[in-house]
Amino acid sequence: MVPFELYLAFIGATLLLCVIPGPVVTYLVAIGIRQGWRDALIGLSGCSTAIAIHMVLVVAGLDTLLLVLGPWTETLQLIGAAYIVWLGISAWRTPIVAEGTDMAETPRLKPAVLYRRGLLVSITNPKTLIFYAAFFPQFIAPDRPTLPQLVMLAFTFITLSALSDGTYAIASGHLAPYLKSPRAQLIRNRVTGIVFAVTGLTLAFTRS
């Protein structure tokens, strides 16, 4: 099991990560505006399936990797912390995009299409697995078995991300105008940058 202090830190970091809108939230909000929150939840089920697949890969891969690395695990964790800081810098510098005007009538998407697109939006993000591989080791106690900790963290991550994205899906009709405005994008970029940078630096100094 993950130590209680590390687990609480993981929950806090995961919640911060999940509430910041990204490609998945953008997709769910678009569906919610166009077809309603029920269809957005169908899209969410596809996104959650992709996250579950990622978690299986992370649990299987990280457990083996950490066993092989042994004394090099600390170095991997520092590299991961540096990567998280880099994500913060990238988020801070993300350009602001003008509000979209593509609100024309489009055919209603079927549930199978909504699910499939949600799956693809989430699973094809090229940075996702790299981020998980950098993120999860920060909350693994080296003096305890790795696999049970990874399983616990993975299950928690899936649950929290589904709850957070589900909230966006249900409230998308009300929140979308604010989430898409240039000012909202600027605030989101700044908050994301600060959160990731502070998280990465904190983890680096804690592990050093």
C-alpha atoms as a PDB file:
ATOM      1  CA  MET A   1       0.000   0.000   0.000  1.00  0.00           C
ATOM      2  CA  VAL A   2       1.035   3.585  -0.643  1.00  0.00           C
ATOM      3  CA  PRO A   3       2.056   5.503   2.509  1.00  0.00           C
ATOM      4  CA  PHE A   4      -0.776   7.740   3.681  1.00  0.00           C
ATOM      5  CA  GLU A   5       1.146  11.005   3.195  1.00  0.00           C
ATOM      6  CA  LEU A   6       2.175  10.091  -0.356  1.00  0.00           C
ATOM      7  CA  TYR A   7      -1.347   8.937  -1.153  1.00  0.00           C
ATOM      8  CA  LEU A   8      -2.841  12.242  -0.011  1.00  0.00           C
ATOM      9  CA  ALA A   9      -0.257  14.091  -2.100  1.00  0.00           C
ATOM     10  CA  PHE A  10      -1.162  11.924  -5.088  1.00  0.00           C
ATOM     11  CA  ILE A  11      -4.877  12.653  -4.667  1.00  0.00           C
ATOM     12  CA  GLY A  12      -4.193  16.385  -4.464  1.00  0.00           C
ATOM     13  CA  ALA A  13      -1.913  16.397  -7.504  1.00  0.00           C
ATOM     14  CA  THR A  14      -4.330  14.225  -9.501  1.00  0.00           C
ATOM     15  CA  LEU A  15      -7.277  16.482  -8.705  1.00  0.00           C
ATOM     16  CA  LEU A  16      -5.302  19.515  -9.834  1.00  0.00           C
ATOM     17  CA  LEU A  17      -4.295  17.684 -12.983  1.00  0.00           C
ATOM     18  CA  CYS A  18      -7.842  16.521 -13.762  1.00  0.00           C
ATOM     19  CA  VAL A  19      -9.668  19.811 -13.228  1.00  0.00           C
ATOM     20  CA  ILE A  20      -7.425  21.664 -15.695  1.00  0.00           C
ATOM     21  CA  PRO A  21      -9.138  21.413 -19.111  1.00  0.00           C
ATOM     22  CA  GLY A  22      -7.283  19.524 -21.830  1.00  0.00           C
ATOM     23  CA  PRO A  23      -8.145  17.627 -25.035  1.00  0.00           C
ATOM     24  CA  VAL A  24     -10.591  15.292 -23.280  1.00  0.00           C
ATOM     25  CA  VAL A  25     -12.492  18.120 -21.598  1.00  0.00           C
ATOM     26  CA  THR A  26     -12.537  20.070 -24.858  1.00  0.00           C
ATOM     27  CA  TYR A  27     -14.098  17.074 -26.616  1.00  0.00           C
ATOM     28  CA  LEU A  28     -16.669  16.480 -23.869  1.00  0.00           C
ATOM     29  CA  VAL A  29     -17.660  20.141 -23.716  1.00  0.00           C
ATOM     30  CA  ALA A  30     -18.127  20.233 -27.499  1.00  0.00           C
ATOM     31  CA  ILE A  31     -20.392  17.170 -27.353  1.00  0.00           C
ATOM     32  CA  GLY A  32     -22.270  18.562 -24.379  1.00  0.00           C
ATOM     33  CA  ILE A  33     -22.986  21.804 -26.227  1.00  0.00           C
ATOM     34  CA  ARG A  34     -24.017  20.065 -29.435  1.00  0.00           C
ATOM     35  CA  GLN A  35     -25.917  17.016 -28.143  1.00  0.00           C
ATOM     36  CA  GLY A  36     -26.426  17.315 -24.386  1.00  0.00           C
ATOM     37  CA  TRP A  37     -24.801  15.913 -21.242  1.00  0.00           C
ATOM     38  CA  ARG A  38     -26.014  12.342 -21.721  1.00  0.00           C
ATOM     39  CA  ASP A  39     -24.157  12.026 -25.010  1.00  0.00           C
ATOM     40  CA  ALA A  40     -21.154  13.729 -23.431  1.00  0.00           C
ATOM     41  CA  LEU A  41     -21.119  10.957 -20.810  1.00  0.00           C
ATOM     42  CA  ILE A  42     -21.054   8.378 -23.611  1.00  0.00           C
ATOM     43  CA  GLY A  43     -17.975  10.139 -24.955  1.00  0.00           C
ATOM     44  CA  LEU A  44     -16.559  10.106 -21.418  1.00  0.00           C
ATOM     45  CA  SER A  45     -16.909   6.316 -21.276  1.00  0.00           C
ATOM     46  CA  GLY A  46     -14.605   6.082 -24.286  1.00  0.00           C
ATOM     47  CA  CYS A  47     -12.093   8.433 -22.676  1.00  0.00           C
ATOM     48  CA  SER A  48     -12.186   6.440 -19.430  1.00  0.00           C
ATOM     49  CA  THR A  49     -11.581   3.215 -21.342  1.00  0.00           C
ATOM     50  CA  ALA A  50      -8.460   4.752 -22.853  1.00  0.00           C
ATOM     51  CA  ILE A  51      -7.237   5.861 -19.424  1.00  0.00           C
ATOM     52  CA  ALA A  52      -7.818   2.338 -18.099  1.00  0.00           C
ATOM     53  CA  ILE A  53      -5.703   0.949 -20.961  1.00  0.00           C
ATOM     54  CA  HIS A  54      -2.974   3.455 -20.168  1.00  0.00           C
ATOM     55  CA  MET A  55      -3.088   2.477 -16.500  1.00  0.00           C
ATOM     56  CA  VAL A  56      -2.648  -1.210 -17.352  1.00  0.00           C
ATOM     57  CA  LEU A  57       0.391  -0.345 -19.466  1.00  0.00           C
ATOM     58  CA  VAL A  58       1.817   1.898 -16.757  1.00  0.00           C
ATOM     59  CA  VAL A  59       1.316  -0.692 -13.995  1.00  0.00           C
ATOM     60  CA  ALA A  60       2.851  -3.484 -16.058  1.00  0.00           C
ATOM     61  CA  GLY A  61       5.677  -1.398 -17.475  1.00  0.00           C
ATOM     62  CA  LEU A  62       6.646   0.649 -14.423  1.00  0.00           C
ATOM     63  CA  ASP A  63       6.672  -2.335 -12.086  1.00  0.00           C
ATOM     64  CA  THR A  64       9.157  -4.126 -14.339  1.00  0.00           C
ATOM     65  CA  LEU A  65      11.156  -0.975 -15.019  1.00  0.00           C
ATOM     66  CA  LEU A  66      11.573  -0.030 -11.356  1.00  0.00           C
ATOM     67  CA  LEU A  67      12.673  -3.557 -10.468  1.00  0.00           C
ATOM     68  CA  VAL A  68      15.304  -3.508 -13.222  1.00  0.00           C
ATOM     69  CA  LEU A  69      16.551   0.001 -12.442  1.00  0.00           C
ATOM     70  CA  GLY A  70      16.997  -0.614  -8.733  1.00  0.00           C
ATOM     71  CA  PRO A  71      19.391   2.120  -7.472  1.00  0.00           C
ATOM     72  CA  TRP A  72      18.692   4.203 -10.598  1.00  0.00           C
ATOM     73  CA  THR A  73      15.059   4.691  -9.556  1.00  0.00           C
ATOM     74  CA  GLU A  74      15.957   7.957  -7.798  1.00  0.00           C
ATOM     75  CA  THR A  75      17.443   9.300 -11.034  1.00  0.00           C
ATOM     76  CA  LEU A  76      14.277   8.347 -12.941  1.00  0.00           C
ATOM     77  CA  GLN A  77      12.186  10.212 -10.389  1.00  0.00           C
ATOM     78  CA  LEU A  78      14.331  13.345 -10.735  1.00  0.00           C
ATOM     79  CA  ILE A  79      14.047  13.160 -14.535  1.00  0.00           C
ATOM     80  CA  GLY A  80      10.281  12.815 -14.128  1.00  0.00           C
ATOM     81  CA  ALA A  81      10.171  15.859 -11.866  1.00  0.00           C
ATOM     82  CA  ALA A  82      12.138  17.844 -14.462  1.00  0.00           C
ATOM     83  CA  TYR A  83       9.683  16.736 -17.142  1.00  0.00           C
ATOM     84  CA  ILE A  84       6.754  17.958 -15.041  1.00  0.00           C
ATOM     85  CA  VAL A  85       8.462  21.348 -14.687  1.00  0.00           C
ATOM     86  CA  TRP A  86       8.947  21.433 -18.461  1.00  0.00           C
ATOM     87  CA  LEU A  87       5.223  20.748 -18.923  1.00  0.00           C
ATOM     88  CA  GLY A  88       4.527  23.742 -16.703  1.00  0.00           C
ATOM     89  CA  ILE A  89       6.755  25.995 -18.810  1.00  0.00           C
ATOM     90  CA  SER A  90       5.093  24.718 -21.991  1.00  0.00           C
ATOM     91  CA  ALA A  91       1.619  25.334 -20.556  1.00  0.00           C
ATOM     92  CA  TRP A  92       2.564  28.881 -19.531  1.00  0.00           C
ATOM     93  CA  ARG A  93       3.720  29.608 -23.088  1.00  0.00           C
ATOM     94  CA  THR A  94       0.703  28.049 -24.836  1.00  0.00           C
ATOM     95  CA  PRO A  95      -0.728  30.580 -27.348  1.00  0.00           C
ATOM     96  CA  ILE A  96      -4.253  31.888 -26.922  1.00  0.00           C
ATOM     97  CA  VAL A  97      -6.709  30.708 -29.585  1.00  0.00           C
ATOM     98  CA  ALA A  98      -9.610  32.898 -30.672  1.00  0.00           C
ATOM     99  CA  GLU A  99     -13.045  31.637 -29.762  1.00  0.00           C
ATOM    100  CA  GLY A 100     -14.337  29.181 -32.345  1.00  0.00           C
ATOM    101  CA  THR A 101     -17.138  30.102 -34.665  1.00  0.00           C
ATOM    102  CA  ASP A 102     -17.789  26.604 -36.006  1.00  0.00           C
ATOM    103  CA  MET A 103     -21.248  26.215 -34.528  1.00  0.00           C
ATOM    104  CA  ALA A 104     -23.018  25.188 -37.723  1.00  0.00           C
ATOM    105  CA  GLU A 105     -25.574  22.440 -37.745  1.00  0.00           C
ATOM    106  CA  THR A 106     -23.983  19.015 -37.909  1.00  0.00           C
ATOM    107  CA  PRO A 107     -25.518  15.535 -38.000  1.00  0.00           C
ATOM    108  CA  ARG A 108     -26.145  14.033 -34.573  1.00  0.00           C
ATOM    109  CA  LEU A 109     -23.388  11.582 -33.710  1.00  0.00           C
ATOM    110  CA  LYS A 110     -24.403   8.057 -32.742  1.00  0.00           C
ATOM    111  CA  PRO A 111     -23.385   6.553 -29.372  1.00  0.00           C
ATOM    112  CA  ALA A 112     -20.851   4.199 -30.987  1.00  0.00           C
ATOM    113  CA  VAL A 113     -19.196   7.149 -32.733  1.00  0.00           C
ATOM    114  CA  LEU A 114     -19.156   9.208 -29.529  1.00  0.00           C
ATOM    115  CA  TYR A 115     -17.528   6.328 -27.646  1.00  0.00           C
ATOM    116  CA  ARG A 116     -14.971   5.653 -30.369  1.00  0.00           C
ATOM    117  CA  ARG A 117     -13.976   9.296 -30.698  1.00  0.00           C
ATOM    118  CA  GLY A 118     -13.637   9.650 -26.938  1.00  0.00           C
ATOM    119  CA  LEU A 119     -11.399   6.592 -26.899  1.00  0.00           C
ATOM    120  CA  LEU A 120      -9.225   7.965 -29.701  1.00  0.00           C
ATOM    121  CA  VAL A 121      -8.991  11.486 -28.275  1.00  0.00           C
ATOM    122  CA  SER A 122      -7.627  10.114 -25.018  1.00  0.00           C
ATOM    123  CA  ILE A 123      -5.521   7.183 -26.171  1.00  0.00           C
ATOM    124  CA  THR A 124      -3.725   8.956 -29.031  1.00  0.00           C
ATOM    125  CA  ASN A 125      -2.371  11.821 -26.922  1.00  0.00           C
ATOM    126  CA  PRO A 126       1.386  11.381 -27.548  1.00  0.00           C
ATOM    127  CA  LYS A 127       2.385  12.860 -24.183  1.00  0.00           C
ATOM    128  CA  THR A 128       0.027  10.819 -22.013  1.00  0.00           C
ATOM    129  CA  LEU A 129       2.055   7.682 -21.328  1.00  0.00           C
ATOM    130  CA  ILE A 130       5.250   9.726 -20.963  1.00  0.00           C
ATOM    131  CA  PHE A 131       3.511  11.914 -18.402  1.00  0.00           C
ATOM    132  CA  TYR A 132       2.170   8.946 -16.443  1.00  0.00           C
ATOM    133  CA  ALA A 133       5.611   7.332 -16.461  1.00  0.00           C
ATOM    134  CA  ALA A 134       7.029  10.557 -15.012  1.00  0.00           C
ATOM    135  CA  PHE A 135       4.131  11.248 -12.639  1.00  0.00           C
ATOM    136  CA  PHE A 136       3.473   7.929 -10.909  1.00  0.00           C
ATOM    137  CA  PRO A 137       7.005   7.127  -9.638  1.00  0.00           C
ATOM    138  CA  GLN A 138       6.937  10.322  -7.579  1.00  0.00           C
ATOM    139  CA  PHE A 139       4.387   8.691  -5.261  1.00  0.00           C
ATOM    140  CA  ILE A 140       5.932   5.224  -4.958  1.00  0.00           C
ATOM    141  CA  ALA A 141       7.632   4.339  -1.672  1.00  0.00           C
ATOM    142  CA  PRO A 142      10.887   2.545  -2.588  1.00  0.00           C
ATOM    143  CA  ASP A 143      10.868   0.464   0.595  1.00  0.00           C
ATOM    144  CA  ARG A 144       7.518  -1.176  -0.246  1.00  0.00           C
ATOM    145  CA  PRO A 145       6.386  -3.560  -3.032  1.00  0.00           C
ATOM    146  CA  THR A 146       5.885  -1.538  -6.207  1.00  0.00           C
ATOM    147  CA  LEU A 147       3.021  -3.391  -7.889  1.00  0.00           C
ATOM    148  CA  PRO A 148       0.363  -2.975  -5.132  1.00  0.00           C
ATOM    149  CA  GLN A 149       1.176   0.726  -4.937  1.00  0.00           C
ATOM    150  CA  LEU A 150       0.852   1.173  -8.698  1.00  0.00           C
ATOM    151  CA  VAL A 151      -2.478  -0.662  -8.759  1.00  0.00           C
ATOM    152  CA  MET A 152      -3.798   1.521  -5.943  1.00  0.00           C
ATOM    153  CA  LEU A 153      -2.639   4.735  -7.635  1.00  0.00           C
ATOM    154  CA  ALA A 154      -3.984   3.638 -11.029  1.00  0.00           C
ATOM    155  CA  PHE A 155      -7.442   2.816  -9.649  1.00  0.00           C
ATOM    156  CA  THR A 156      -7.514   6.145  -7.804  1.00  0.00           C
ATOM    157  CA  PHE A 157      -6.453   8.039 -10.935  1.00  0.00           C
ATOM    158  CA  ILE A 158      -9.166   6.400 -13.071  1.00  0.00           C
ATOM    159  CA  THR A 159     -11.832   7.181 -10.468  1.00  0.00           C
ATOM    160  CA  LEU A 160     -10.837  10.813  -9.942  1.00  0.00           C
ATOM    161  CA  SER A 161     -10.437  11.537 -13.653  1.00  0.00           C
ATOM    162  CA  ALA A 162     -13.869  10.033 -14.399  1.00  0.00           C
ATOM    163  CA  LEU A 163     -15.490  12.131 -11.671  1.00  0.00           C
ATOM    164  CA  SER A 164     -13.764  15.321 -12.827  1.00  0.00           C
ATOM    165  CA  ASP A 165     -14.414  14.812 -16.550  1.00  0.00           C
ATOM    166  CA  GLY A 166     -17.963  13.701 -15.781  1.00  0.00           C
ATOM    167  CA  THR A 167     -18.577  16.997 -14.001  1.00  0.00           C
ATOM    168  CA  TYR A 168     -17.419  18.886 -17.089  1.00  0.00           C
ATOM    169  CA  ALA A 169     -19.594  16.686 -19.301  1.00  0.00           C
ATOM    170  CA  ILE A 170     -22.740  17.329 -17.259  1.00  0.00           C
ATOM    171  CA  ALA A 171     -22.106  21.053 -16.813  1.00  0.00           C
ATOM    172  CA  SER A 172     -20.721  21.654 -20.309  1.00  0.00           C
ATOM    173  CA  GLY A 173     -23.724  23.610 -21.555  1.00  0.00           C
ATOM    174  CA  HIS A 174     -23.255  26.154 -18.774  1.00  0.00           C
ATOM    175  CA  LEU A 175     -19.466  26.248 -18.551  1.00  0.00           C
ATOM    176  CA  ALA A 176     -18.462  26.178 -22.221  1.00  0.00           C
ATOM    177  CA  PRO A 177     -18.770  29.947 -22.910  1.00  0.00           C
ATOM    178  CA  TYR A 178     -16.395  30.692 -20.036  1.00  0.00           C
ATOM    179  CA  LEU A 179     -13.937  27.878 -20.791  1.00  0.00           C
ATOM    180  CA  LYS A 180     -13.504  28.949 -24.418  1.00  0.00           C
ATOM    181  CA  SER A 181     -13.005  32.682 -23.952  1.00  0.00           C
ATOM    182  CA  PRO A 182      -9.492  34.107 -24.504  1.00  0.00           C
ATOM    183  CA  ARG A 183      -9.350  35.323 -20.900  1.00  0.00           C
ATOM    184  CA  ALA A 184     -10.252  31.868 -19.587  1.00  0.00           C
ATOM    185  CA  GLN A 185      -7.561  30.323 -21.763  1.00  0.00           C
ATOM    186  CA  LEU A 186      -4.970  32.768 -20.417  1.00  0.00           C
ATOM    187  CA  ILE A 187      -5.922  32.045 -16.805  1.00  0.00           C
ATOM    188  CA  ARG A 188      -5.921  28.294 -17.498  1.00  0.00           C
ATOM    189  CA  ASN A 189      -2.470  28.437 -19.089  1.00  0.00           C
ATOM    190  CA  ARG A 190      -1.015  30.429 -16.204  1.00  0.00           C
ATOM    191  CA  VAL A 191      -2.566  28.238 -13.516  1.00  0.00           C
ATOM    192  CA  THR A 192      -1.497  25.054 -15.312  1.00  0.00           C
ATOM    193  CA  GLY A 193       2.046  26.332 -15.721  1.00  0.00           C
ATOM    194  CA  ILE A 194       2.370  27.338 -12.086  1.00  0.00           C
ATOM    195  CA  VAL A 195       0.847  24.108 -10.741  1.00  0.00           C
ATOM    196  CA  PHE A 196       3.068  21.821 -12.826  1.00  0.00           C
ATOM    197  CA  ALA A 197       6.226  23.852 -12.206  1.00  0.00           C
ATOM    198  CA  VAL A 198       5.672  24.023  -8.439  1.00  0.00           C
ATOM    199  CA  THR A 199       4.731  20.338  -8.321  1.00  0.00           C
ATOM    200  CA  GLY A 200       7.844  19.290 -10.248  1.00  0.00           C
ATOM    201  CA  LEU A 201      10.185  21.459  -8.171  1.00  0.00           C
ATOM    202  CA  THR A 202       8.601  20.284  -4.912  1.00  0.00           C
ATOM    203  CA  LEU A 203       8.959  16.634  -5.893  1.00  0.00           C
ATOM    204  CA  ALA A 204      12.555  17.170  -7.006  1.00  0.00           C
ATOM    205  CA  PHE A 205      13.601  18.804  -3.723  1.00  0.00           C
ATOM    206  CA  THR A 206      11.626  16.292  -1.661  1.00  0.00           C
ATOM    207  CA  ARG A 207      13.388  13.368  -3.344  1.00  0.00           C
ATOM    208  CA  SER A 208      16.858  14.953  -3.255  1.00  0.00           C
END
